C-alpha atoms as a PDB file:
ATOM      1  CA  MET A   1      93.267  95.322 119.887  1.00  0.00           C
ATOM      2  CA  SER A   2      93.974  98.574 121.632  1.00  0.00           C
ATOM      3  CA  LEU A   3      93.303 102.115 120.570  1.00  0.00           C
ATOM      4  CA  MET A   4      96.904 103.143 121.245  1.00  0.00           C
ATOM      5  CA  PRO A   5      99.259 101.617 118.648  1.00  0.00           C
ATOM      6  CA  ALA A   6     102.158  99.530 119.923  1.00  0.00           C
ATOM      7  CA  PHE A   7     105.708 100.620 119.072  1.00  0.00           C
ATOM      8  CA  GLU A   8     108.417  98.197 120.076  1.00  0.00           C
ATOM      9  CA  ILE A   9     111.320  96.826 118.038  1.00  0.00           C
ATOM     10  CA  GLY A  10     111.801  93.090 118.491  1.00  0.00           C
ATOM     11  CA  LEU A  11     112.438  89.772 116.816  1.00  0.00           C
ATOM     12  CA  ARG A  12     108.829  88.630 117.201  1.00  0.00           C
ATOM     13  CA  ASN A  13     107.226  91.548 115.444  1.00  0.00           C
ATOM     14  CA  ALA A  14     104.875  91.692 112.483  1.00  0.00           C
ATOM     15  CA  TRP A  15     107.807  92.212 110.072  1.00  0.00           C
ATOM     16  CA  MET A  16     107.832  88.395 109.891  1.00  0.00           C
ATOM     17  CA  PHE A  17     104.731  88.702 107.670  1.00  0.00           C
ATOM     18  CA  VAL A  18     106.505  91.060 105.283  1.00  0.00           C
ATOM     19  CA  ILE A  19     109.388  88.676 104.470  1.00  0.00           C
ATOM     20  CA  PRO A  20     107.263  85.837 102.925  1.00  0.00           C
ATOM     21  CA  TYR A  21     105.037  88.338 101.119  1.00  0.00           C
ATOM     22  CA  ALA A  22     108.006  90.207  99.630  1.00  0.00           C
ATOM     23  CA  TYR A  23     109.636  86.914  98.620  1.00  0.00           C
ATOM     24  CA  VAL A  24     106.474  85.634  96.923  1.00  0.00           C
ATOM     25  CA  HIS A  25     105.528  88.878  95.225  1.00  0.00           C
ATOM     26  CA  PHE A  26     108.898  90.207  94.184  1.00  0.00           C
ATOM     27  CA  GLY A  27     111.369  87.282  94.324  1.00  0.00           C
ATOM     28  CA  LEU A  28     109.259  84.309  93.300  1.00  0.00           C
ATOM     29  CA  GLY A  29     107.230  86.527  90.998  1.00  0.00           C
ATOM     30  CA  HIS A  30     110.286  87.166  88.844  1.00  0.00           C
ATOM     31  CA  LEU A  31     111.185  83.483  88.757  1.00  0.00           C
ATOM     32  CA  ILE A  32     107.690  82.223  87.952  1.00  0.00           C
ATOM     33  CA  VAL A  33     106.937  84.633  85.159  1.00  0.00           C
ATOM     34  CA  ASP A  34     110.394  84.201  83.649  1.00  0.00           C
ATOM     35  CA  ASN A  35     110.861  87.978  83.416  1.00  0.00           C
ATOM     36  CA  LYS A  36     107.828  88.491  81.170  1.00  0.00           C
ATOM     37  CA  SER A  37     107.613  92.191  80.547  1.00  0.00           C
ATOM     38  CA  THR A  38     103.813  92.363  80.768  1.00  0.00           C
ATOM     39  CA  LEU A  39     103.819  91.645  84.490  1.00  0.00           C
ATOM     40  CA  PHE A  40     105.483  94.927  85.384  1.00  0.00           C
ATOM     41  CA  VAL A  41     104.053  97.246  82.731  1.00  0.00           C
ATOM     42  CA  TRP A  42     102.475 100.226  84.448  1.00  0.00           C
ATOM     43  CA  PRO A  43      99.384 101.795  82.923  1.00  0.00           C
ATOM     44  CA  SER A  44      99.245 105.494  82.246  1.00  0.00           C
ATOM     45  CA  TYR A  45      97.438 107.374  84.987  1.00  0.00           C
ATOM     46  CA  THR A  46      95.365 110.523  84.819  1.00  0.00           C
ATOM     47  CA  LYS A  47      96.418 113.461  86.997  1.00  0.00           C
ATOM     48  CA  SER A  48      93.913 112.621  89.758  1.00  0.00           C
ATOM     49  CA  GLU A  49      94.851 108.922  89.575  1.00  0.00           C
ATOM     50  CA  LYS A  50      98.499 109.860  90.164  1.00  0.00           C
ATOM     51  CA  ILE A  51      97.560 111.701  93.352  1.00  0.00           C
ATOM     52  CA  PHE A  52      95.506 108.774  94.641  1.00  0.00           C
ATOM     53  CA  PHE A  53      98.294 106.405  93.582  1.00  0.00           C
ATOM     54  CA  GLY A  54     100.571 108.188  96.068  1.00  0.00           C
ATOM     55  CA  VAL A  55      98.076 107.482  98.854  1.00  0.00           C
ATOM     56  CA  LEU A  56      97.761 103.896  97.615  1.00  0.00           C
ATOM     57  CA  THR A  57     101.540 103.504  97.809  1.00  0.00           C
ATOM     58  CA  VAL A  58     101.483 104.613 101.459  1.00  0.00           C
ATOM     59  CA  THR A  59      98.757 102.042 102.229  1.00  0.00           C
ATOM     60  CA  PHE A  60     100.940  99.409 100.523  1.00  0.00           C
ATOM     61  CA  PHE A  61     104.327 100.167 102.107  1.00  0.00           C
ATOM     62  CA  GLY A  62     103.240 101.947 105.298  1.00  0.00           C
ATOM     63  CA  PRO A  63     102.229  98.736 107.103  1.00  0.00           C
ATOM     64  CA  TRP A  64     105.543  97.154 106.077  1.00  0.00           C
ATOM     65  CA  ILE A  65     107.476  99.915 107.806  1.00  0.00           C
ATOM     66  CA  TYR A  66     105.125  99.917 110.798  1.00  0.00           C
ATOM     67  CA  SER A  67     105.487  96.125 111.106  1.00  0.00           C
ATOM     68  CA  ILE A  68     109.078  96.602 112.328  1.00  0.00           C
ATOM     69  CA  PHE A  69     107.664  98.252 115.473  1.00  0.00           C
ATOM     70  CA  LEU A  70     104.540  96.091 115.857  1.00  0.00           C
ATOM     71  CA  PRO A  71     104.914  93.256 118.390  1.00  0.00           C
ATOM     72  CA  LEU A  72     103.092  89.947 117.919  1.00  0.00           C
ATOM     73  CA  LYS A  73     101.511  88.262 120.909  1.00  0.00           C
ATOM     74  CA  LEU A  74     102.250  84.574 120.493  1.00  0.00           C
ATOM     75  CA  GLY A  75      99.387  82.420 121.703  1.00  0.00           C
ATOM     76  CA  ALA A  76      96.807  85.185 121.234  1.00  0.00           C
ATOM     77  CA  ALA A  77      93.552  84.424 119.393  1.00  0.00           C
ATOM     78  CA  TRP A  78      94.239  87.377 117.082  1.00  0.00           C
ATOM     79  CA  LEU A  79      97.374  85.690 115.777  1.00  0.00           C
ATOM     80  CA  TYR A  80      95.610  82.435 114.974  1.00  0.00           C
ATOM     81  CA  SER A  81      92.610  84.125 113.365  1.00  0.00           C
ATOM     82  CA  GLY A  82      94.727  86.288 111.068  1.00  0.00           C
ATOM     83  CA  LEU A  83      97.317  83.710 110.010  1.00  0.00           C
ATOM     84  CA  PRO A  84      94.999  81.650 107.732  1.00  0.00           C
ATOM     85  CA  ILE A  85      93.765  84.836 106.035  1.00  0.00           C
ATOM     86  CA  TYR A  86      97.352  85.945 105.468  1.00  0.00           C
ATOM     87  CA  LEU A  87      98.291  82.543 104.001  1.00  0.00           C
ATOM     88  CA  LEU A  88      95.226  82.579 101.736  1.00  0.00           C
ATOM     89  CA  GLY A  89      96.405  85.951 100.418  1.00  0.00           C
ATOM     90  CA  LEU A  90      99.814  84.469  99.581  1.00  0.00           C
ATOM     91  CA  ILE A  91      98.125  81.556  97.802  1.00  0.00           C
ATOM     92  CA  PHE A  92      96.093  83.985  95.666  1.00  0.00           C
ATOM     93  CA  ILE A  93      99.262  85.841  94.709  1.00  0.00           C
ATOM     94  CA  ILE A  94     101.111  82.629  93.798  1.00  0.00           C
ATOM     95  CA  MET A  95      98.176  81.363  91.729  1.00  0.00           C
ATOM     96  CA  ALA A  96      97.987  84.718  89.899  1.00  0.00           C
ATOM     97  CA  LEU A  97     101.723  84.596  89.161  1.00  0.00           C
ATOM     98  CA  LEU A  98     101.397  81.044  87.837  1.00  0.00           C
ATOM     99  CA  SER A  99      98.578  82.152  85.528  1.00  0.00           C
ATOM    100  CA  PHE A 100     100.811  84.938  84.237  1.00  0.00           C
ATOM    101  CA  SER A 101     103.660  82.548  83.577  1.00  0.00           C
ATOM    102  CA  THR A 102     101.589  80.267  81.341  1.00  0.00           C
ATOM    103  CA  THR A 103      99.886  82.969  79.280  1.00  0.00           C
ATOM    104  CA  PRO A 104     101.462  84.147  76.013  1.00  0.00           C
ATOM    105  CA  LEU A 105     102.484  87.815  75.936  1.00  0.00           C
ATOM    106  CA  ASP A 106      99.998  88.657  73.196  1.00  0.00           C
ATOM    107  CA  GLU A 107      96.973  87.355  75.150  1.00  0.00           C
ATOM    108  CA  PRO A 108      95.254  88.669  78.274  1.00  0.00           C
ATOM    109  CA  VAL A 109      95.512  86.538  81.410  1.00  0.00           C
ATOM    110  CA  THR A 110      92.060  84.955  81.723  1.00  0.00           C
ATOM    111  CA  LYS A 111      92.747  81.444  82.999  1.00  0.00           C
ATOM    112  CA  GLY A 112      93.437  79.880  86.361  1.00  0.00           C
ATOM    113  CA  ILE A 113      92.450  82.112  89.242  1.00  0.00           C
ATOM    114  CA  TYR A 114      91.704  84.879  86.731  1.00  0.00           C
ATOM    115  CA  ARG A 115      88.542  82.954  85.834  1.00  0.00           C
ATOM    116  CA  ILE A 116      86.987  83.914  89.153  1.00  0.00           C
ATOM    117  CA  SER A 117      88.508  87.379  89.604  1.00  0.00           C
ATOM    118  CA  ARG A 118      89.925  90.019  87.298  1.00  0.00           C
ATOM    119  CA  HIS A 119      92.345  91.169  90.015  1.00  0.00           C
ATOM    120  CA  PRO A 120      93.364  88.193  92.167  1.00  0.00           C
ATOM    121  CA  MET A 121      96.826  89.570  92.915  1.00  0.00           C
ATOM    122  CA  ASN A 122      95.361  92.773  94.377  1.00  0.00           C
ATOM    123  CA  PHE A 123      92.800  90.708  96.283  1.00  0.00           C
ATOM    124  CA  GLY A 124      95.642  88.505  97.558  1.00  0.00           C
ATOM    125  CA  PHE A 125      97.499  91.539  98.862  1.00  0.00           C
ATOM    126  CA  PHE A 126      94.334  92.770 100.570  1.00  0.00           C
ATOM    127  CA  LEU A 127      93.928  89.362 102.260  1.00  0.00           C
ATOM    128  CA  ALA A 128      97.601  89.252 103.283  1.00  0.00           C
ATOM    129  CA  LEU A 129      97.415  92.766 104.722  1.00  0.00           C
ATOM    130  CA  THR A 130      94.142  91.978 106.519  1.00  0.00           C
ATOM    131  CA  GLY A 131      95.668  88.790 107.946  1.00  0.00           C
ATOM    132  CA  MET A 132      98.712  90.734 109.114  1.00  0.00           C
ATOM    133  CA  GLY A 133      96.470  93.330 110.757  1.00  0.00           C
ATOM    134  CA  LEU A 134      94.385  90.708 112.541  1.00  0.00           C
ATOM    135  CA  SER A 135      97.413  88.660 113.598  1.00  0.00           C
ATOM    136  CA  SER A 136      99.075  91.682 115.123  1.00  0.00           C
ATOM    137  CA  ALA A 137      95.779  93.097 116.448  1.00  0.00           C
ATOM    138  CA  SER A 138      96.545  96.400 114.732  1.00  0.00           C
ATOM    139  CA  TRP A 139      93.694  98.664 113.724  1.00  0.00           C
ATOM    140  CA  ILE A 140      96.210 100.791 111.802  1.00  0.00           C
ATOM    141  CA  VAL A 141      97.144  97.890 109.505  1.00  0.00           C
ATOM    142  CA  LEU A 142      93.469  96.937 109.120  1.00  0.00           C
ATOM    143  CA  LEU A 143      92.643 100.539 108.195  1.00  0.00           C
ATOM    144  CA  CYS A 144      95.435 100.464 105.587  1.00  0.00           C
ATOM    145  CA  ALA A 145      93.972  97.209 104.200  1.00  0.00           C
ATOM    146  CA  ILE A 146      90.542  98.811 103.820  1.00  0.00           C
ATOM    147  CA  LEU A 147      92.025 101.936 102.209  1.00  0.00           C
ATOM    148  CA  PHE A 148      94.039  99.744  99.851  1.00  0.00           C
ATOM    149  CA  LEU A 149      90.890  97.831  98.856  1.00  0.00           C
ATOM    150  CA  ILE A 150      88.999 101.043  98.108  1.00  0.00           C
ATOM    151  CA  LEU A 151      91.846 102.810  96.314  1.00  0.00           C
ATOM    152  CA  GLN A 152      92.933  99.828  94.252  1.00  0.00           C
ATOM    153  CA  GLY A 153      89.426  99.633  92.781  1.00  0.00           C
ATOM    154  CA  LYS A 154      89.338 103.351  92.056  1.00  0.00           C
ATOM    155  CA  ILE A 155      92.838 103.679  90.614  1.00  0.00           C
ATOM    156  CA  LEU A 156      94.934 100.606  89.978  1.00  0.00           C
ATOM    157  CA  GLU A 157      92.279  98.321  88.583  1.00  0.00           C
ATOM    158  CA  LYS A 158      90.570 100.925  86.404  1.00  0.00           C
ATOM    159  CA  ALA A 159      93.890 102.036  84.912  1.00  0.00           C
ATOM    160  CA  GLU A 160      94.989  98.405  84.358  1.00  0.00           C
ATOM    161  CA  GLU A 161      91.701  97.546  82.690  1.00  0.00           C
ATOM    162  CA  ARG A 162      91.894 100.654  80.509  1.00  0.00           C
ATOM    163  CA  MET A 163      95.395  99.579  79.403  1.00  0.00           C
ATOM    164  CA  CYS A 164      94.256  95.989  78.720  1.00  0.00           C
ATOM    165  CA  LEU A 165      91.245  97.194  76.728  1.00  0.00           C
ATOM    166  CA  GLU A 166      93.575  99.246  74.532  1.00  0.00           C
ATOM    167  CA  LYS A 167      95.971  96.338  74.102  1.00  0.00           C
ATOM    168  CA  PHE A 168      93.551  93.396  73.717  1.00  0.00           C
ATOM    169  CA  GLY A 169      90.313  95.056  72.567  1.00  0.00           C
ATOM    170  CA  ASN A 170      87.133  92.957  72.365  1.00  0.00           C
ATOM    171  CA  VAL A 171      88.773  89.844  73.817  1.00  0.00           C
ATOM    172  CA  TYR A 172      89.388  91.701  77.062  1.00  0.00           C
ATOM    173  CA  LEU A 173      85.965  93.371  76.964  1.00  0.00           C
ATOM    174  CA  GLU A 174      84.323  89.924  76.801  1.00  0.00           C
ATOM    175  CA  TYR A 175      86.474  88.853  79.743  1.00  0.00           C
ATOM    176  CA  ILE A 176      85.361  91.913  81.753  1.00  0.00           C
ATOM    177  CA  ASN A 177      81.724  91.172  80.946  1.00  0.00           C
ATOM    178  CA  ARG A 178      81.873  87.604  82.256  1.00  0.00           C
ATOM    179  CA  THR A 179      84.301  87.886  85.208  1.00  0.00           C
ATOM    180  CA  PRO A 180      83.674  89.716  88.491  1.00  0.00           C
ATOM    181  CA  ARG A 181      86.209  92.252  89.686  1.00  0.00           C
ATOM    182  CA  TRP A 182      86.837  90.529  93.014  1.00  0.00           C
ATOM    183  CA  VAL A 183      86.421  86.994  94.292  1.00  0.00           C
ATOM    184  CA  GLY A 184      83.102  86.282  95.930  1.00  0.00           C
ATOM    185  CA  LEU A 185      81.299  89.301  94.532  1.00  0.00           C
ATOM    186  CA  PRO A 186      78.682  88.607  91.880  1.00  0.00           C
ATOM    187  CA  LYS A 187      79.000  90.310  88.526  1.00  0.00           C
ATOM    188  CA  ARG A 188      76.693  93.337  88.533  1.00  0.00           C
ATOM    189  CA  GLY A 189      74.951  94.539  85.402  1.00  0.00           C
ATOM    190  CA  GLY A 190      76.855  97.415  83.826  1.00  0.00           C
ATOM    191  CA  GLU A 191      79.898  96.940  86.091  1.00  0.00           C
ATOM    192  CA  ARG A 192      83.325  97.297  84.547  1.00  0.00           C
END
Protein backbone atom coordinates (compact mmCIF):
# COMPACT_ATOMS: atom_id res chain seq x y z
CA MET A 1 0.00 0.00 0.00
CA SER A 2 1.51 3.29 -1.03
CA LEU A 3 0.70 6.79 0.06
CA MET A 4 0.36 7.97 -3.54
CA PRO A 5 -2.80 6.54 -5.14
CA ALA A 6 -2.40 4.58 -8.37
CA PHE A 7 -4.20 5.81 -11.49
CA GLU A 8 -4.00 3.51 -14.47
CA ILE A 9 -6.78 2.26 -16.75
CA GLY A 10 -6.51 -1.45 -17.49
CA LEU A 11 -8.32 -4.75 -17.77
CA ARG A 12 -6.96 -6.04 -14.47
CA ASN A 13 -8.18 -3.20 -12.32
CA ALA A 14 -10.37 -3.16 -9.23
CA TRP A 15 -13.49 -2.53 -11.35
CA MET A 16 -13.71 -6.34 -11.49
CA PHE A 17 -14.98 -6.17 -7.88
CA VAL A 18 -17.74 -3.75 -8.82
CA ILE A 19 -19.34 -6.01 -11.46
CA PRO A 20 -20.26 -8.95 -9.11
CA TYR A 21 -21.36 -6.55 -6.37
CA ALA A 22 -23.60 -4.56 -8.73
CA TYR A 23 -25.05 -7.78 -10.15
CA VAL A 24 -25.81 -9.20 -6.69
CA HIS A 25 -27.15 -6.01 -5.18
CA PHE A 26 -29.08 -4.54 -8.07
CA GLY A 27 -29.65 -7.36 -10.60
CA LEU A 28 -30.08 -10.42 -8.41
CA GLY A 29 -31.70 -8.30 -5.73
CA HIS A 30 -34.62 -7.54 -8.04
CA LEU A 31 -34.98 -11.18 -9.03
CA ILE A 32 -34.79 -12.59 -5.51
CA VAL A 33 -37.25 -10.22 -3.91
CA ASP A 34 -39.66 -10.52 -6.82
CA ASN A 35 -39.98 -6.72 -7.05
CA LYS A 36 -41.29 -6.35 -3.49
CA SER A 37 -41.80 -2.66 -2.96
CA THR A 38 -40.53 -2.65 0.63
CA LEU A 39 -36.96 -3.35 -0.44
CA PHE A 40 -36.54 0.00 -2.15
CA VAL A 41 -38.67 2.25 0.06
CA TRP A 42 -36.56 5.16 1.22
CA PRO A 43 -37.15 6.60 4.67
CA SER A 44 -37.73 10.28 5.15
CA TYR A 45 -34.58 12.10 6.20
CA THR A 46 -34.14 15.15 8.37
CA LYS A 47 -32.32 18.14 6.87
CA SER A 48 -28.98 17.21 8.47
CA GLU A 49 -29.44 13.55 7.47
CA LYS A 50 -29.88 14.64 3.84
CA ILE A 51 -26.54 16.45 3.94
CA PHE A 52 -24.76 13.45 5.43
CA PHE A 53 -26.57 11.19 2.95
CA GLY A 54 -24.80 13.08 0.14
CA VAL A 55 -21.44 12.28 1.74
CA LEU A 56 -22.57 8.68 2.23
CA THR A 57 -23.44 8.45 -1.46
CA VAL A 58 -19.91 9.56 -2.38
CA THR A 59 -18.43 6.88 -0.08
CA PHE A 60 -20.70 4.34 -1.81
CA PHE A 61 -20.11 5.25 -5.47
CA GLY A 62 -16.73 6.99 -5.24
CA PRO A 63 -14.74 3.74 -4.91
CA TRP A 64 -16.66 2.30 -7.87
CA ILE A 65 -15.51 5.15 -10.09
CA TYR A 66 -11.99 5.06 -8.66
CA SER A 67 -11.82 1.29 -9.25
CA ILE A 68 -11.64 1.92 -13.02
CA PHE A 69 -8.22 3.52 -12.47
CA LEU A 70 -7.00 1.23 -9.67
CA PRO A 71 -4.69 -1.58 -10.85
CA LEU A 72 -4.67 -4.96 -9.11
CA LYS A 73 -1.37 -6.70 -8.49
CA LEU A 74 -2.00 -10.36 -9.23
CA GLY A 75 -0.06 -12.63 -6.91
CA ALA A 76 0.23 -9.97 -4.19
CA ALA A 77 -0.65 -10.88 -0.59
CA TRP A 78 -3.03 -7.91 -0.48
CA LEU A 79 -5.17 -9.46 -3.20
CA TYR A 80 -5.48 -12.79 -1.42
CA SER A 81 -6.18 -11.24 1.98
CA GLY A 82 -8.95 -9.00 0.68
CA LEU A 83 -10.71 -11.47 -1.62
CA PRO A 84 -12.27 -13.63 1.15
CA ILE A 85 -13.53 -10.50 2.94
CA TYR A 86 -15.06 -9.25 -0.30
CA LEU A 87 -16.76 -12.61 -0.94
CA LEU A 88 -18.09 -12.71 2.64
CA GLY A 89 -19.65 -9.30 2.01
CA LEU A 90 -21.42 -10.64 -1.09
CA ILE A 91 -22.68 -13.63 0.91
CA PHE A 92 -24.15 -11.29 3.55
CA ILE A 93 -25.93 -9.31 0.85
CA ILE A 94 -27.35 -12.44 -0.80
CA MET A 95 -28.53 -13.84 2.54
CA ALA A 96 -30.21 -10.50 3.37
CA LEU A 97 -31.95 -10.47 -0.02
CA LEU A 98 -33.17 -14.03 0.52
CA SER A 99 -34.59 -13.05 3.91
CA PHE A 100 -36.43 -10.18 2.24
CA SER A 101 -37.87 -12.45 -0.41
CA THR A 102 -39.46 -14.83 2.10
CA THR A 103 -40.95 -12.20 4.42
CA PRO A 104 -44.52 -10.97 3.87
CA LEU A 105 -44.84 -7.26 3.06
CA ASP A 106 -46.78 -6.54 6.24
CA GLU A 107 -44.07 -7.96 8.55
CA PRO A 108 -40.58 -6.71 9.39
CA VAL A 109 -37.66 -8.82 8.18
CA THR A 110 -36.41 -10.54 11.34
CA LYS A 111 -35.41 -14.02 10.18
CA GLY A 112 -32.38 -15.54 8.52
CA ILE A 113 -29.32 -13.34 8.76
CA TYR A 114 -31.50 -10.61 10.28
CA ARG A 115 -31.50 -12.67 13.49
CA ILE A 116 -27.87 -11.77 14.10
CA SER A 117 -27.83 -8.24 12.66
CA ARG A 118 -30.42 -5.55 12.05
CA HIS A 119 -28.47 -4.29 9.02
CA PRO A 120 -26.71 -7.21 7.32
CA MET A 121 -26.95 -5.69 3.84
CA ASN A 122 -25.11 -2.55 4.98
CA PHE A 123 -22.58 -4.71 6.82
CA GLY A 124 -22.17 -6.79 3.65
CA PHE A 125 -21.40 -3.67 1.63
CA PHE A 126 -18.87 -2.57 4.24
CA LEU A 127 -17.17 -5.99 4.02
CA ALA A 128 -17.20 -5.94 0.20
CA LEU A 129 -15.74 -2.43 0.13
CA THR A 130 -13.11 -3.35 2.74
CA GLY A 131 -12.19 -6.47 0.74
CA MET A 132 -11.90 -4.39 -2.42
CA GLY A 133 -9.68 -1.89 -0.62
CA LEU A 134 -7.41 -4.59 0.78
CA SER A 135 -7.25 -6.50 -2.51
CA SER A 136 -6.22 -3.41 -4.40
CA ALA A 137 -4.02 -2.13 -1.55
CA SER A 138 -5.85 1.20 -1.67
CA TRP A 139 -6.01 3.34 1.44
CA ILE A 140 -8.54 5.56 -0.35
CA VAL A 141 -11.03 2.69 -0.73
CA LEU A 142 -10.39 1.58 2.87
CA LEU A 143 -11.01 5.15 4.06
CA CYS A 144 -14.30 5.18 2.11
CA ALA A 145 -15.25 1.86 3.76
CA ILE A 146 -14.65 3.32 7.23
CA LEU A 147 -16.58 6.49 6.38
CA PHE A 148 -19.42 4.38 5.01
CA LEU A 149 -19.52 2.33 8.23
CA ILE A 150 -19.69 5.46 10.39
CA LEU A 151 -22.19 7.34 8.23
CA GLN A 152 -24.49 4.40 7.63
CA GLY A 153 -24.93 4.05 11.40
CA LYS A 154 -25.58 7.76 11.84
CA ILE A 155 -27.93 8.23 8.90
CA LEU A 156 -29.15 5.25 6.93
CA GLU A 157 -29.77 2.85 9.77
CA LYS A 158 -31.37 5.37 12.13
CA ALA A 159 -33.71 6.61 9.40
CA GLU A 160 -34.58 3.03 8.35
CA GLU A 161 -35.28 2.03 11.94
CA ARG A 162 -37.40 5.13 12.48
CA MET A 163 -39.44 4.20 9.39
CA CYS A 164 -39.81 0.57 10.52
CA LEU A 165 -40.88 1.64 14.02
CA GLU A 166 -43.62 3.78 12.47
CA LYS A 167 -44.72 0.97 10.17
CA PHE A 168 -44.44 -2.07 12.48
CA GLY A 169 -44.64 -0.55 15.98
CA ASN A 170 -43.96 -2.79 19.00
CA VAL A 171 -43.05 -5.82 16.89
CA TYR A 172 -40.09 -3.93 15.48
CA LEU A 173 -39.22 -2.41 18.86
CA GLU A 174 -38.95 -5.92 20.34
CA TYR A 175 -36.73 -6.89 17.41
CA ILE A 176 -34.46 -3.87 18.05
CA ASN A 177 -34.23 -4.77 21.73
CA ARG A 178 -33.05 -8.32 21.08
CA THR A 179 -30.88 -7.93 17.94
CA PRO A 180 -27.54 -6.11 17.70
CA ARG A 181 -27.08 -3.47 15.04
CA TRP A 182 -24.07 -5.15 13.44
CA VAL A 183 -22.75 -8.70 13.34
CA GLY A 184 -20.26 -9.54 16.04
CA LEU A 185 -21.08 -6.61 18.28
CA PRO A 186 -22.91 -7.42 21.50
CA LYS A 187 -26.20 -5.72 22.20
CA ARG A 188 -25.53 -2.79 24.54
CA GLY A 189 -28.04 -1.67 27.13
CA GLY A 190 -30.06 1.27 25.86
CA GLU A 191 -28.74 0.94 22.29
CA ARG A 192 -31.17 1.43 19.45
